[in-house]
Amino acid sequence: KIEPKSESKSELKLELESESESEAVEDAEEVEVEAAEEAEEEAEEVEAKEAEAQEAQEEEVEEIEAEEDAEDAQEAQEAEEAQEAQEEEVEEIEAEEDAEDAQEAQEAEEAQEAQE
């Protein structure tokens, strides 16, 4: 920048210093803005990774709960089947005992009739 020669050297020197100071301030502000933007981007990335991790953890919990529910259902079904099998066995034993009792009663009746 060429100024008229009427300015003294000290005025020119002050002007140059002032210009370089304002450029330094602008540069510093630019660096600050860039650093803030980078920090914000990094924070967003960290937040996204945390959200991903949280979601993965929730999915894992849901899978475990589903497996546990399936196991509980399987155990309940097996218990029900065992109960039914036991009830059938009891009914068979009772039917056999009833048949034996009827057989004995018939034999006793026949013996009574034969005796008479």
Protein backbone atom coordinates (compact mmCIF):
# COMPACT_ATOMS: atom_id res chain seq x y z
CA LYS A 1 0.00 0.00 0.00
CA ILE A 2 1.66 3.24 -1.07
CA GLU A 3 0.83 6.30 0.96
CA PRO A 4 1.58 9.91 0.13
CA LYS A 5 5.10 10.95 1.09
CA SER A 6 3.82 13.52 3.52
CA GLU A 7 3.43 10.89 6.26
CA SER A 8 6.37 10.44 8.52
CA LYS A 9 8.20 7.17 8.93
CA SER A 10 6.79 6.68 12.42
CA GLU A 11 3.22 7.14 11.12
CA LEU A 12 3.88 4.59 8.39
CA LYS A 13 5.38 2.22 10.94
CA LEU A 14 2.33 2.59 13.21
CA GLU A 15 0.01 1.95 10.27
CA LEU A 16 1.91 -1.20 9.28
CA GLU A 17 1.88 -2.45 12.87
CA SER A 18 -1.83 -1.76 13.11
CA GLU A 19 -2.51 -3.66 9.87
CA SER A 20 -0.43 -6.64 10.94
CA GLU A 21 -2.15 -6.63 14.36
CA SER A 22 -5.60 -6.70 12.78
CA GLU A 23 -4.50 -9.51 10.43
CA ALA A 24 -3.17 -11.44 13.43
CA VAL A 25 -6.49 -10.91 15.22
CA GLU A 26 -8.39 -12.11 12.14
CA ASP A 27 -6.13 -15.17 11.87
CA ALA A 28 -6.58 -15.94 15.55
CA GLU A 29 -10.36 -15.61 15.23
CA GLU A 30 -10.33 -17.90 12.18
CA VAL A 31 -8.29 -20.51 14.06
CA GLU A 32 -10.69 -20.23 17.01
CA VAL A 33 -13.73 -20.73 14.74
CA GLU A 34 -12.11 -23.75 13.05
CA ALA A 35 -11.19 -25.27 16.42
CA ALA A 36 -14.74 -24.77 17.67
CA GLU A 37 -16.17 -26.39 14.54
CA GLU A 38 -13.81 -29.36 14.88
CA ALA A 39 -14.69 -29.74 18.56
CA GLU A 40 -18.38 -29.67 17.68
CA GLU A 41 -17.90 -32.31 14.97
CA GLU A 42 -15.95 -34.51 17.38
CA ALA A 43 -18.67 -34.11 20.01
CA GLU A 44 -21.32 -35.09 17.46
CA GLU A 45 -19.27 -38.17 16.48
CA VAL A 46 -18.87 -39.18 20.12
CA GLU A 47 -22.60 -38.67 20.67
CA ALA A 48 -23.41 -40.79 17.60
CA LYS A 49 -21.08 -43.57 18.79
CA GLU A 50 -22.63 -43.49 22.26
CA ALA A 51 -26.12 -43.70 20.75
CA GLU A 52 -24.99 -46.65 18.60
CA ALA A 53 -23.52 -48.41 21.62
CA GLN A 54 -26.70 -47.77 23.62
CA GLU A 55 -28.83 -49.15 20.79
CA ALA A 56 -26.61 -52.24 20.46
CA GLN A 57 -26.85 -52.81 24.21
CA GLU A 58 -30.65 -52.49 24.12
CA GLU A 59 -30.83 -54.98 21.23
CA GLU A 60 -28.64 -57.40 23.17
CA VAL A 61 -30.89 -57.08 26.22
CA GLU A 62 -33.97 -57.69 24.04
CA GLU A 63 -32.33 -60.79 22.53
CA ILE A 64 -31.46 -62.16 25.97
CA GLU A 65 -35.01 -61.48 27.22
CA ALA A 66 -36.45 -63.20 24.14
CA GLU A 67 -34.21 -66.23 24.74
CA GLU A 68 -35.26 -66.33 28.40
CA ASP A 69 -38.93 -66.05 27.42
CA ALA A 70 -38.49 -68.91 24.94
CA GLU A 71 -36.79 -71.04 27.61
CA ASP A 72 -39.58 -70.24 30.10
CA ALA A 73 -42.22 -71.19 27.53
CA GLN A 74 -40.36 -74.44 26.76
CA GLU A 75 -40.11 -75.29 30.47
CA ALA A 76 -43.80 -74.49 30.98
CA GLN A 77 -44.76 -76.71 28.05
CA GLU A 78 -42.57 -79.56 29.33
CA ALA A 79 -44.08 -79.21 32.81
CA GLU A 80 -47.59 -79.26 31.35
CA GLU A 81 -46.78 -82.36 29.28
CA ALA A 82 -45.30 -84.09 32.34
CA GLN A 83 -48.43 -83.20 34.35
CA GLU A 84 -50.68 -84.61 31.61
CA ALA A 85 -48.60 -87.80 31.38
CA GLN A 86 -48.80 -88.22 35.16
CA GLU A 87 -52.58 -87.70 35.11
CA GLU A 88 -52.95 -90.29 32.31
CA GLU A 89 -50.85 -92.76 34.29
CA VAL A 90 -53.01 -92.21 37.38
CA GLU A 91 -56.18 -92.76 35.27
CA GLU A 92 -54.73 -96.00 33.82
CA ILE A 93 -53.83 -97.30 37.29
CA GLU A 94 -57.30 -96.41 38.59
CA ALA A 95 -58.93 -98.11 35.58
CA GLU A 96 -56.83 -101.26 36.17
CA GLU A 97 -57.77 -101.24 39.89
CA ASP A 98 -61.44 -100.76 38.98
CA ALA A 99 -61.23 -103.68 36.54
CA GLU A 100 -59.56 -105.87 39.18
CA ASP A 101 -62.23 -104.89 41.73
CA ALA A 102 -65.00 -105.69 39.24
CA GLN A 103 -63.32 -109.03 38.43
CA GLU A 104 -63.04 -109.89 42.13
CA ALA A 105 -66.66 -108.87 42.75
CA GLN A 106 -67.83 -111.01 39.84
CA GLU A 107 -65.78 -113.97 41.04
CA ALA A 108 -67.14 -113.56 44.58
CA GLU A 109 -70.69 -113.36 43.20
CA GLU A 110 -70.12 -116.50 41.14
CA ALA A 111 -68.65 -118.30 44.14
CA GLN A 112 -71.66 -117.20 46.24
CA GLU A 113 -74.03 -118.49 43.57
CA ALA A 114 -72.11 -121.76 43.27
CA GLN A 115 -72.22 -122.20 47.01
CA GLU A 116 -75.96 -121.71 47.12
